Amino acid sequence: MGDDWAQDHHDIEVMDEAGTVLARRRLPEGVVGIGQLHELIGRFVPVAAGDCVAAEVQVGIETDHGPWVTALIAAGYVVFAVNPLQASRFRSRHGVSGAKSDGGDAHMLADVVRTDAHQLRPAAADSPAVQAVKVLTRTHKTLIWERAAVVLRLRAQLLEYFPAAVAAFEDLDAPDTLELLSKAPDPTRAAKLTRAQVAAALRRAGRYKITERTEMILTALRSPQLGQPPALTAAYAATVRSLIAVIATLNQQVSRLQGQVEAHFGQHPGACRADPAVVRLRSPCVARACCVVAGV
């Protein structure tokens, strides 16, 4: 069976082992749609076959998670999550243009699981604990990626009117950097920062070698540089303050989610049992590596 899913519906095609199309239907997302799907498949399954035949129903779909996939697996169907890149290659096999269409993709997915199931991996039925870890780690990763994108925009803005700031601060998403740039988002105000202000920001951020870092930052900020007209500088400074606010919020949420990832991962029966004082989840990559070890 091929299942081309969208946010609110599923285009379904049921096909037998010989490649004959038995039925096509568009079903709504949710419990009603799942019930209609079972009824549709039931027309072509022996009445008393039960779970044995349910396990012979192979479903191709371009996702491996979500309530719909969970319901398919729970019903006993074998669900193959077809990677979108794989689907693109298979799509070109079914048409010269390789263009995507709902009905065409449902047909392609049904045919793929009929002829190429041996090259696909069935989606696993994860426990709620495993699913919780996956949800948290995926979102944690996404927020870190989004923060990286905003930091790149911040760096690009600074280079346009205030390159000394890029030279002064090695980590543009660090708390001390955000605090000082928020106070002094342009060359004029940055040149007026005092040693006490810079040192206090560094101390609050838990930095080491406060005196040395303070001198380095002030030297960079006060160094000669090419600038922009006052009106343009003011506009850039306003955008930089907005980007700083976004990064600060993302920092808070990344930290909060990291705590949730650690808590949920620690509750998993297959979790790493290393001393938490030694091993800390500092990035989604580390979290994912530990999840692999634990069989997530």
C-alpha atoms as a PDB file:
ATOM      1  CA  MET A   1       0.000   0.000   0.000  1.00  0.00           C
ATOM      2  CA  GLY A   2       1.241   3.513  -0.817  1.00  0.00           C
ATOM      3  CA  ASP A   3       0.425   6.398   1.519  1.00  0.00           C
ATOM      4  CA  ASP A   4       1.208   9.921   0.296  1.00  0.00           C
ATOM      5  CA  TRP A   5       0.590  12.030   3.372  1.00  0.00           C
ATOM      6  CA  ALA A   6      -0.208  15.702   3.793  1.00  0.00           C
ATOM      7  CA  GLN A   7      -1.064  17.733   6.864  1.00  0.00           C
ATOM      8  CA  ASP A   8      -4.798  17.007   6.698  1.00  0.00           C
ATOM      9  CA  HIS A   9      -5.199  13.988   4.421  1.00  0.00           C
ATOM     10  CA  HIS A  10      -3.627  10.820   2.998  1.00  0.00           C
ATOM     11  CA  ASP A  11      -3.777   9.651  -0.617  1.00  0.00           C
ATOM     12  CA  ILE A  12      -3.904   5.865  -0.492  1.00  0.00           C
ATOM     13  CA  GLU A  13      -3.338   3.249  -3.156  1.00  0.00           C
ATOM     14  CA  VAL A  14      -3.776  -0.466  -2.441  1.00  0.00           C
ATOM     15  CA  MET A  15      -1.907  -2.830  -4.747  1.00  0.00           C
ATOM     16  CA  ASP A  16      -1.610  -6.621  -4.821  1.00  0.00           C
ATOM     17  CA  GLU A  17       1.590  -8.671  -5.237  1.00  0.00           C
ATOM     18  CA  ALA A  18       1.214  -8.686  -9.028  1.00  0.00           C
ATOM     19  CA  GLY A  19       1.055  -4.888  -9.199  1.00  0.00           C
ATOM     20  CA  THR A  20      -2.675  -4.673  -9.871  1.00  0.00           C
ATOM     21  CA  VAL A  21      -4.230  -1.564  -8.363  1.00  0.00           C
ATOM     22  CA  LEU A  22      -7.067  -2.671  -6.081  1.00  0.00           C
ATOM     23  CA  ALA A  23      -8.246   0.668  -4.704  1.00  0.00           C
ATOM     24  CA  ARG A  24      -7.459   4.370  -4.497  1.00  0.00           C
ATOM     25  CA  ARG A  25      -8.823   6.673  -1.834  1.00  0.00           C
ATOM     26  CA  ARG A  26      -8.175  10.026  -0.149  1.00  0.00           C
ATOM     27  CA  LEU A  27      -8.616   9.673   3.611  1.00  0.00           C
ATOM     28  CA  PRO A  28      -8.675  12.352   6.323  1.00  0.00           C
ATOM     29  CA  GLU A  29      -5.930  12.599   8.907  1.00  0.00           C
ATOM     30  CA  GLY A  30      -6.838  11.265  12.349  1.00  0.00           C
ATOM     31  CA  VAL A  31      -8.866   8.500  13.950  1.00  0.00           C
ATOM     32  CA  VAL A  32     -11.629   8.628  11.331  1.00  0.00           C
ATOM     33  CA  GLY A  33      -9.120   8.240   8.527  1.00  0.00           C
ATOM     34  CA  ILE A  34      -7.382   5.309  10.220  1.00  0.00           C
ATOM     35  CA  GLY A  35     -10.731   3.574  10.661  1.00  0.00           C
ATOM     36  CA  GLN A  36     -11.556   4.086   6.986  1.00  0.00           C
ATOM     37  CA  LEU A  37      -8.116   2.746   6.044  1.00  0.00           C
ATOM     38  CA  HIS A  38      -8.685  -0.453   8.031  1.00  0.00           C
ATOM     39  CA  GLU A  39     -12.065  -0.877   6.301  1.00  0.00           C
ATOM     40  CA  LEU A  40     -10.469  -0.354   2.891  1.00  0.00           C
ATOM     41  CA  ILE A  41      -7.723  -2.907   3.507  1.00  0.00           C
ATOM     42  CA  GLY A  42     -10.218  -5.292   5.094  1.00  0.00           C
ATOM     43  CA  ARG A  43     -11.991  -5.678   1.731  1.00  0.00           C
ATOM     44  CA  PHE A  44      -8.947  -7.492   0.376  1.00  0.00           C
ATOM     45  CA  VAL A  45      -7.998  -9.526   3.476  1.00  0.00           C
ATOM     46  CA  PRO A  46      -9.529 -12.905   4.441  1.00  0.00           C
ATOM     47  CA  VAL A  47     -12.140 -12.405   7.178  1.00  0.00           C
ATOM     48  CA  ALA A  48     -10.559 -14.778   9.716  1.00  0.00           C
ATOM     49  CA  ALA A  49      -6.936 -14.004   8.907  1.00  0.00           C
ATOM     50  CA  GLY A  50      -6.364 -11.620  11.797  1.00  0.00           C
ATOM     51  CA  ASP A  51      -2.916 -10.378  12.730  1.00  0.00           C
ATOM     52  CA  CYS A  52      -1.086 -12.897  10.525  1.00  0.00           C
ATOM     53  CA  VAL A  53      -2.313 -11.215   7.363  1.00  0.00           C
ATOM     54  CA  ALA A  54      -2.094  -7.745   8.919  1.00  0.00           C
ATOM     55  CA  ALA A  55       1.664  -8.309   9.168  1.00  0.00           C
ATOM     56  CA  GLU A  56       1.719  -9.023   5.422  1.00  0.00           C
ATOM     57  CA  VAL A  57       0.273  -5.590   4.617  1.00  0.00           C
ATOM     58  CA  GLN A  58       3.235  -3.434   3.651  1.00  0.00           C
ATOM     59  CA  VAL A  59       2.890   0.335   3.757  1.00  0.00           C
ATOM     60  CA  GLY A  60       5.204   2.825   2.061  1.00  0.00           C
ATOM     61  CA  ILE A  61       5.141   6.371   3.456  1.00  0.00           C
ATOM     62  CA  GLU A  62       7.637   9.269   3.449  1.00  0.00           C
ATOM     63  CA  THR A  63       7.866   9.651   7.246  1.00  0.00           C
ATOM     64  CA  ASP A  64       8.784   7.468  10.201  1.00  0.00           C
ATOM     65  CA  HIS A  65       6.972   9.267  13.026  1.00  0.00           C
ATOM     66  CA  GLY A  66       3.700  10.839  14.058  1.00  0.00           C
ATOM     67  CA  PRO A  67       0.353   9.512  15.354  1.00  0.00           C
ATOM     68  CA  TRP A  68      -0.632   8.086  11.946  1.00  0.00           C
ATOM     69  CA  VAL A  69       2.535   5.993  11.627  1.00  0.00           C
ATOM     70  CA  THR A  70       2.206   4.878  15.247  1.00  0.00           C
ATOM     71  CA  ALA A  71      -1.358   3.732  14.552  1.00  0.00           C
ATOM     72  CA  LEU A  72      -0.265   1.799  11.432  1.00  0.00           C
ATOM     73  CA  ILE A  73       2.449  -0.038  13.356  1.00  0.00           C
ATOM     74  CA  ALA A  74       0.114  -0.735  16.274  1.00  0.00           C
ATOM     75  CA  ALA A  75      -2.378  -2.269  13.825  1.00  0.00           C
ATOM     76  CA  GLY A  76       0.270  -4.802  12.806  1.00  0.00           C
ATOM     77  CA  TYR A  77       1.092  -3.410   9.357  1.00  0.00           C
ATOM     78  CA  VAL A  78       4.718  -3.380   8.227  1.00  0.00           C
ATOM     79  CA  VAL A  79       5.549   0.283   7.680  1.00  0.00           C
ATOM     80  CA  PHE A  80       8.485   1.254   5.461  1.00  0.00           C
ATOM     81  CA  ALA A  81       9.601   4.858   5.879  1.00  0.00           C
ATOM     82  CA  VAL A  82      10.837   5.825   2.416  1.00  0.00           C
ATOM     83  CA  ASN A  83      13.458   8.552   2.567  1.00  0.00           C
ATOM     84  CA  PRO A  84      12.483  11.569   0.410  1.00  0.00           C
ATOM     85  CA  LEU A  85      15.727  11.190  -1.566  1.00  0.00           C
ATOM     86  CA  GLN A  86      14.909   7.545  -2.219  1.00  0.00           C
ATOM     87  CA  ALA A  87      11.382   8.551  -3.182  1.00  0.00           C
ATOM     88  CA  SER A  88      12.752  11.051  -5.696  1.00  0.00           C
ATOM     89  CA  ARG A  89      14.825   8.343  -7.384  1.00  0.00           C
ATOM     90  CA  PHE A  90      11.901   5.914  -7.408  1.00  0.00           C
ATOM     91  CA  ARG A  91       9.644   8.669  -8.775  1.00  0.00           C
ATOM     92  CA  SER A  92      11.888   9.142 -11.804  1.00  0.00           C
ATOM     93  CA  ARG A  93      11.535   5.418 -12.473  1.00  0.00           C
ATOM     94  CA  HIS A  94       7.779   5.813 -12.815  1.00  0.00           C
ATOM     95  CA  GLY A  95       7.755   8.853 -15.078  1.00  0.00           C
ATOM     96  CA  VAL A  96       9.993  10.759 -17.438  1.00  0.00           C
ATOM     97  CA  SER A  97       9.527  14.128 -15.725  1.00  0.00           C
ATOM     98  CA  GLY A  98       9.849  12.801 -12.182  1.00  0.00           C
ATOM     99  CA  ALA A  99       7.244  15.388 -11.130  1.00  0.00           C
ATOM    100  CA  LYS A 100       5.542  14.979  -7.767  1.00  0.00           C
ATOM    101  CA  SER A 101       1.774  14.465  -7.475  1.00  0.00           C
ATOM    102  CA  ASP A 102      -0.350  13.071  -4.659  1.00  0.00           C
ATOM    103  CA  GLY A 103      -1.936  10.210  -6.591  1.00  0.00           C
ATOM    104  CA  GLY A 104       1.267   9.484  -8.471  1.00  0.00           C
ATOM    105  CA  ASP A 105       3.287   9.339  -5.263  1.00  0.00           C
ATOM    106  CA  ALA A 106       0.800   6.958  -3.629  1.00  0.00           C
ATOM    107  CA  HIS A 107       1.184   4.668  -6.658  1.00  0.00           C
ATOM    108  CA  MET A 108       4.976   4.983  -6.576  1.00  0.00           C
ATOM    109  CA  LEU A 109       5.137   4.172  -2.849  1.00  0.00           C
ATOM    110  CA  ALA A 110       2.869   1.141  -3.242  1.00  0.00           C
ATOM    111  CA  ASP A 111       4.996  -0.175  -6.080  1.00  0.00           C
ATOM    112  CA  VAL A 112       8.223   0.486  -4.190  1.00  0.00           C
ATOM    113  CA  VAL A 113       7.219  -1.640  -1.199  1.00  0.00           C
ATOM    114  CA  ARG A 114       5.989  -4.320  -3.609  1.00  0.00           C
ATOM    115  CA  THR A 115       9.247  -4.577  -5.565  1.00  0.00           C
ATOM    116  CA  ASP A 116      11.969  -3.053  -3.356  1.00  0.00           C
ATOM    117  CA  ALA A 117      10.947  -3.831   0.232  1.00  0.00           C
ATOM    118  CA  HIS A 118      14.208  -5.773   0.649  1.00  0.00           C
ATOM    119  CA  GLN A 119      16.099  -2.475   0.246  1.00  0.00           C
ATOM    120  CA  LEU A 120      14.012  -0.634   2.849  1.00  0.00           C
ATOM    121  CA  ARG A 121      14.034  -0.809   6.632  1.00  0.00           C
ATOM    122  CA  PRO A 122      10.754  -1.221   8.526  1.00  0.00           C
ATOM    123  CA  ALA A 123       9.923   1.584  10.934  1.00  0.00           C
ATOM    124  CA  ALA A 124      10.322   0.464  14.539  1.00  0.00           C
ATOM    125  CA  ALA A 125       7.574   0.701  17.131  1.00  0.00           C
ATOM    126  CA  ASP A 126       9.310   2.839  19.755  1.00  0.00           C
ATOM    127  CA  SER A 127       8.257   2.941  23.373  1.00  0.00           C
ATOM    128  CA  PRO A 128       6.785   6.205  24.693  1.00  0.00           C
ATOM    129  CA  ALA A 129      10.067   6.835  26.552  1.00  0.00           C
ATOM    130  CA  VAL A 130      12.072   6.517  23.348  1.00  0.00           C
ATOM    131  CA  GLN A 131       9.618   8.693  21.424  1.00  0.00           C
ATOM    132  CA  ALA A 132       9.896  11.360  24.139  1.00  0.00           C
ATOM    133  CA  VAL A 133      13.689  11.403  23.829  1.00  0.00           C
ATOM    134  CA  LYS A 134      13.425  11.678  20.039  1.00  0.00           C
ATOM    135  CA  VAL A 135      10.974  14.584  20.215  1.00  0.00           C
ATOM    136  CA  LEU A 136      13.169  16.467  22.662  1.00  0.00           C
ATOM    137  CA  THR A 137      16.480  15.821  20.893  1.00  0.00           C
ATOM    138  CA  ARG A 138      15.069  16.781  17.493  1.00  0.00           C
ATOM    139  CA  THR A 139      13.714  20.073  18.816  1.00  0.00           C
ATOM    140  CA  HIS A 140      16.919  20.705  20.781  1.00  0.00           C
ATOM    141  CA  LYS A 141      18.907  20.199  17.582  1.00  0.00           C
ATOM    142  CA  THR A 142      16.554  22.437  15.582  1.00  0.00           C
ATOM    143  CA  LEU A 143      16.867  25.295  18.071  1.00  0.00           C
ATOM    144  CA  ILE A 144      20.659  25.027  18.038  1.00  0.00           C
ATOM    145  CA  TRP A 145      20.634  25.140  14.229  1.00  0.00           C
ATOM    146  CA  GLU A 146      18.297  28.135  14.292  1.00  0.00           C
ATOM    147  CA  ARG A 147      20.574  29.898  16.771  1.00  0.00           C
ATOM    148  CA  ALA A 148      23.565  29.253  14.515  1.00  0.00           C
ATOM    149  CA  ALA A 149      21.676  30.820  11.593  1.00  0.00           C
ATOM    150  CA  VAL A 150      20.802  33.932  13.623  1.00  0.00           C
ATOM    151  CA  VAL A 151      24.414  34.240  14.822  1.00  0.00           C
ATOM    152  CA  LEU A 152      25.555  34.210  11.191  1.00  0.00           C
ATOM    153  CA  ARG A 153      23.094  37.018  10.421  1.00  0.00           C
ATOM    154  CA  LEU A 154      24.382  38.962  13.428  1.00  0.00           C
ATOM    155  CA  ARG A 155      27.972  38.532  12.269  1.00  0.00           C
ATOM    156  CA  ALA A 156      27.068  39.678   8.760  1.00  0.00           C
ATOM    157  CA  GLN A 157      25.322  42.794  10.125  1.00  0.00           C
ATOM    158  CA  LEU A 158      28.277  43.701  12.339  1.00  0.00           C
ATOM    159  CA  LEU A 159      30.733  43.356   9.470  1.00  0.00           C
ATOM    160  CA  GLU A 160      28.699  45.914   7.526  1.00  0.00           C
ATOM    161  CA  TYR A 161      29.164  48.754  10.032  1.00  0.00           C
ATOM    162  CA  PHE A 162      31.053  47.565  13.140  1.00  0.00           C
ATOM    163  CA  PRO A 163      33.783  45.013  12.193  1.00  0.00           C
ATOM    164  CA  ALA A 164      35.691  45.700  15.402  1.00  0.00           C
ATOM    165  CA  ALA A 165      32.951  43.887  17.324  1.00  0.00           C
ATOM    166  CA  VAL A 166      33.599  40.692  15.346  1.00  0.00           C
ATOM    167  CA  ALA A 167      37.294  40.994  16.203  1.00  0.00           C
ATOM    168  CA  ALA A 168      36.561  41.701  19.875  1.00  0.00           C
ATOM    169  CA  PHE A 169      34.124  38.865  20.574  1.00  0.00           C
ATOM    170  CA  GLU A 170      35.025  35.314  19.570  1.00  0.00           C
ATOM    171  CA  ASP A 171      31.626  33.860  20.558  1.00  0.00           C
ATOM    172  CA  LEU A 172      28.764  36.029  19.332  1.00  0.00           C
ATOM    173  CA  ASP A 173      26.177  33.917  21.164  1.00  0.00           C
ATOM    174  CA  ALA A 174      27.991  34.044  24.531  1.00  0.00           C
ATOM    175  CA  PRO A 175      26.179  35.802  27.424  1.00  0.00           C
ATOM    176  CA  ASP A 176      28.931  38.390  27.963  1.00  0.00           C
ATOM    177  CA  THR A 177      29.009  39.230  24.244  1.00  0.00           C
ATOM    178  CA  LEU A 178      25.248  39.672  24.097  1.00  0.00           C
ATOM    179  CA  GLU A 179      25.251  41.832  27.225  1.00  0.00           C
ATOM    180  CA  LEU A 180      28.003  44.153  25.999  1.00  0.00           C
ATOM    181  CA  LEU A 181      26.677  44.418  22.433  1.00  0.00           C
ATOM    182  CA  SER A 182      23.219  45.192  23.777  1.00  0.00           C
ATOM    183  CA  LYS A 183      24.679  48.060  25.825  1.00  0.00           C
ATOM    184  CA  ALA A 184      26.911  49.263  22.998  1.00  0.00           C
ATOM    185  CA  PRO A 185      25.635  48.154  19.570  1.00  0.00           C
ATOM    186  CA  ASP A 186      27.612  50.752  17.628  1.00  0.00           C
ATOM    187  CA  PRO A 187      31.262  51.931  17.508  1.00  0.00           C
ATOM    188  CA  THR A 188      30.648  55.195  19.368  1.00  0.00           C
ATOM    189  CA  ARG A 189      29.001  53.630  22.403  1.00  0.00           C
ATOM    190  CA  ALA A 190      31.387  50.647  22.352  1.00  0.00           C
ATOM    191  CA  ALA A 191      34.386  52.990  22.589  1.00  0.00           C
ATOM    192  CA  LYS A 192      32.871  54.449  25.795  1.00  0.00           C
ATOM    193  CA  LEU A 193      32.594  51.105  27.598  1.00  0.00           C
ATOM    194  CA  THR A 194      34.655  51.123  30.781  1.00  0.00           C
ATOM    195  CA  ARG A 195      36.947  48.425  32.100  1.00  0.00           C
ATOM    196  CA  ALA A 196      34.583  47.907  35.010  1.00  0.00           C
ATOM    197  CA  GLN A 197      31.604  47.299  32.714  1.00  0.00           C
ATOM    198  CA  VAL A 198      33.459  44.806  30.535  1.00  0.00           C
ATOM    199  CA  ALA A 199      35.003  42.986  33.498  1.00  0.00           C
ATOM    200  CA  ALA A 200      31.621  42.729  35.239  1.00  0.00           C
ATOM    201  CA  ALA A 201      30.015  41.181  32.128  1.00  0.00           C
ATOM    202  CA  LEU A 202      32.862  38.689  31.808  1.00  0.00           C
ATOM    203  CA  ARG A 203      32.609  37.793  35.483  1.00  0.00           C
ATOM    204  CA  ARG A 204      28.842  37.208  35.243  1.00  0.00           C
ATOM    205  CA  ALA A 205      29.462  34.897  32.277  1.00  0.00           C
ATOM    206  CA  GLY A 206      31.950  32.844  34.281  1.00  0.00           C
ATOM    207  CA  ARG A 207      34.967  33.773  32.182  1.00  0.00           C
ATOM    208  CA  TYR A 208      38.573  33.283  33.268  1.00  0.00           C
ATOM    209  CA  LYS A 209      41.509  35.722  32.913  1.00  0.00           C
ATOM    210  CA  ILE A 210      39.179  38.686  33.350  1.00  0.00           C
ATOM    211  CA  THR A 211      41.843  41.391  33.192  1.00  0.00           C
ATOM    212  CA  GLU A 212      43.481  39.964  30.075  1.00  0.00           C
ATOM    213  CA  ARG A 213      40.178  39.507  28.257  1.00  0.00           C
ATOM    214  CA  THR A 214      38.980  42.964  29.236  1.00  0.00           C
ATOM    215  CA  GLU A 215      42.060  44.625  27.755  1.00  0.00           C
ATOM    216  CA  MET A 216      41.785  42.565  24.561  1.00  0.00           C
ATOM    217  CA  ILE A 217      38.100  43.477  24.075  1.00  0.00           C
ATOM    218  CA  LEU A 218      38.593  47.188  24.736  1.00  0.00           C
ATOM    219  CA  THR A 219      41.626  47.350  22.458  1.00  0.00           C
ATOM    220  CA  ALA A 220      39.661  45.739  19.607  1.00  0.00           C
ATOM    221  CA  LEU A 221      36.587  47.919  20.110  1.00  0.00           C
ATOM    222  CA  ARG A 222      38.627  51.129  20.167  1.00  0.00           C
ATOM    223  CA  SER A 223      40.818  50.267  17.187  1.00  0.00           C
ATOM    224  CA  PRO A 224      40.510  52.358  13.973  1.00  0.00           C
ATOM    225  CA  GLN A 225      37.903  51.007  11.543  1.00  0.00           C
ATOM    226  CA  LEU A 226      35.890  52.020   8.525  1.00  0.00           C
ATOM    227  CA  GLY A 227      32.374  53.102   9.425  1.00  0.00           C
ATOM    228  CA  GLN A 228      29.021  54.030   7.974  1.00  0.00           C
ATOM    229  CA  PRO A 229      27.028  57.317   8.026  1.00  0.00           C
ATOM    230  CA  PRO A 230      25.242  57.946  11.361  1.00  0.00           C
ATOM    231  CA  ALA A 231      21.735  57.207  10.024  1.00  0.00           C
ATOM    232  CA  LEU A 232      22.829  53.883   8.542  1.00  0.00           C
ATOM    233  CA  THR A 233      24.807  53.005  11.673  1.00  0.00           C
ATOM    234  CA  ALA A 234      21.706  53.638  13.794  1.00  0.00           C
ATOM    235  CA  ALA A 235      19.632  51.350  11.552  1.00  0.00           C
ATOM    236  CA  TYR A 236      22.209  48.571  11.765  1.00  0.00           C
ATOM    237  CA  ALA A 237      22.436  48.982  15.544  1.00  0.00           C
ATOM    238  CA  ALA A 238      18.652  48.573  15.849  1.00  0.00           C
ATOM    239  CA  THR A 239      18.727  45.333  13.831  1.00  0.00           C
ATOM    240  CA  VAL A 240      21.656  44.048  15.875  1.00  0.00           C
ATOM    241  CA  ARG A 241      19.752  44.636  19.111  1.00  0.00           C
ATOM    242  CA  SER A 242      16.812  42.659  17.716  1.00  0.00           C
ATOM    243  CA  LEU A 243      19.067  39.773  16.692  1.00  0.00           C
ATOM    244  CA  ILE A 244      20.696  39.834  20.134  1.00  0.00           C
ATOM    245  CA  ALA A 245      17.264  39.476  21.748  1.00  0.00           C
ATOM    246  CA  VAL A 246      16.459  36.493  19.520  1.00  0.00           C
ATOM    247  CA  ILE A 247      19.783  34.791  20.327  1.00  0.00           C
ATOM    248  CA  ALA A 248      19.294  35.373  24.056  1.00  0.00           C
ATOM    249  CA  THR A 249      15.855  33.746  23.902  1.00  0.00           C
ATOM    250  CA  LEU A 250      17.216  30.805  21.921  1.00  0.00           C
ATOM    251  CA  ASN A 251      20.031  30.410  24.469  1.00  0.00           C
ATOM    252  CA  GLN A 252      17.453  30.119  27.250  1.00  0.00           C
ATOM    253  CA  GLN A 253      15.315  27.595  25.377  1.00  0.00           C
ATOM    254  CA  VAL A 254      18.293  25.486  24.260  1.00  0.00           C
ATOM    255  CA  SER A 255      19.455  25.305  27.867  1.00  0.00           C
ATOM    256  CA  ARG A 256      15.961  24.426  29.107  1.00  0.00           C
ATOM    257  CA  LEU A 257      15.509  21.693  26.509  1.00  0.00           C
ATOM    258  CA  GLN A 258      18.970  20.320  27.242  1.00  0.00           C
ATOM    259  CA  GLY A 259      17.849  19.748  30.813  1.00  0.00           C
ATOM    260  CA  GLN A 260      14.731  17.963  29.548  1.00  0.00           C
ATOM    261  CA  VAL A 261      16.815  15.781  27.217  1.00  0.00           C
ATOM    262  CA  GLU A 262      19.102  14.795  30.078  1.00  0.00           C
ATOM    263  CA  ALA A 263      16.172  14.030  32.379  1.00  0.00           C
ATOM    264  CA  HIS A 264      14.299  11.904  29.828  1.00  0.00           C
ATOM    265  CA  PHE A 265      17.397  10.152  28.601  1.00  0.00           C
ATOM    266  CA  GLY A 266      18.404   9.286  32.153  1.00  0.00           C
ATOM    267  CA  GLN A 267      15.020   7.583  32.662  1.00  0.00           C
ATOM    268  CA  HIS A 268      15.474   5.359  29.619  1.00  0.00           C
ATOM    269  CA  PRO A 269      16.323   1.737  30.617  1.00  0.00           C
ATOM    270  CA  GLY A 270      19.162   1.568  28.095  1.00  0.00           C
ATOM    271  CA  ALA A 271      20.676   4.955  28.948  1.00  0.00           C
ATOM    272  CA  CYS A 272      24.405   5.482  29.448  1.00  0.00           C
ATOM    273  CA  ARG A 273      25.244   5.067  33.127  1.00  0.00           C
ATOM    274  CA  ALA A 274      28.309   7.275  33.212  1.00  0.00           C
ATOM    275  CA  ASP A 275      28.817   9.714  36.066  1.00  0.00           C
ATOM    276  CA  PRO A 276      26.752  12.803  35.171  1.00  0.00           C
ATOM    277  CA  ALA A 277      29.550  14.952  36.567  1.00  0.00           C
ATOM    278  CA  VAL A 278      31.814  13.508  33.880  1.00  0.00           C
ATOM    279  CA  VAL A 279      29.466  13.138  30.938  1.00  0.00           C
ATOM    280  CA  ARG A 280      27.142  16.039  30.158  1.00  0.00           C
ATOM    281  CA  LEU A 281      24.989  16.397  27.075  1.00  0.00           C
ATOM    282  CA  ARG A 282      26.566  19.499  25.613  1.00  0.00           C
ATOM    283  CA  SER A 283      25.120  19.218  22.106  1.00  0.00           C
ATOM    284  CA  PRO A 284      22.440  17.332  20.133  1.00  0.00           C
ATOM    285  CA  CYS A 285      25.248  15.334  18.486  1.00  0.00           C
ATOM    286  CA  VAL A 286      26.327  13.982  21.883  1.00  0.00           C
ATOM    287  CA  ALA A 287      22.718  13.347  22.814  1.00  0.00           C
ATOM    288  CA  ARG A 288      22.174  11.455  19.592  1.00  0.00           C
ATOM    289  CA  ALA A 289      25.356   9.430  20.065  1.00  0.00           C
ATOM    290  CA  CYS A 290      24.209   8.343  23.508  1.00  0.00           C
ATOM    291  CA  CYS A 291      20.758   7.522  22.146  1.00  0.00           C
ATOM    292  CA  VAL A 292      22.378   5.256  19.561  1.00  0.00           C
ATOM    293  CA  VAL A 293      24.311   3.451  22.279  1.00  0.00           C
ATOM    294  CA  ALA A 294      21.075   3.027  24.200  1.00  0.00           C
ATOM    295  CA  GLY A 295      19.277   1.649  21.151  1.00  0.00           C
ATOM    296  CA  VAL A 296      17.051   4.676  20.551  1.00  0.00           C
END
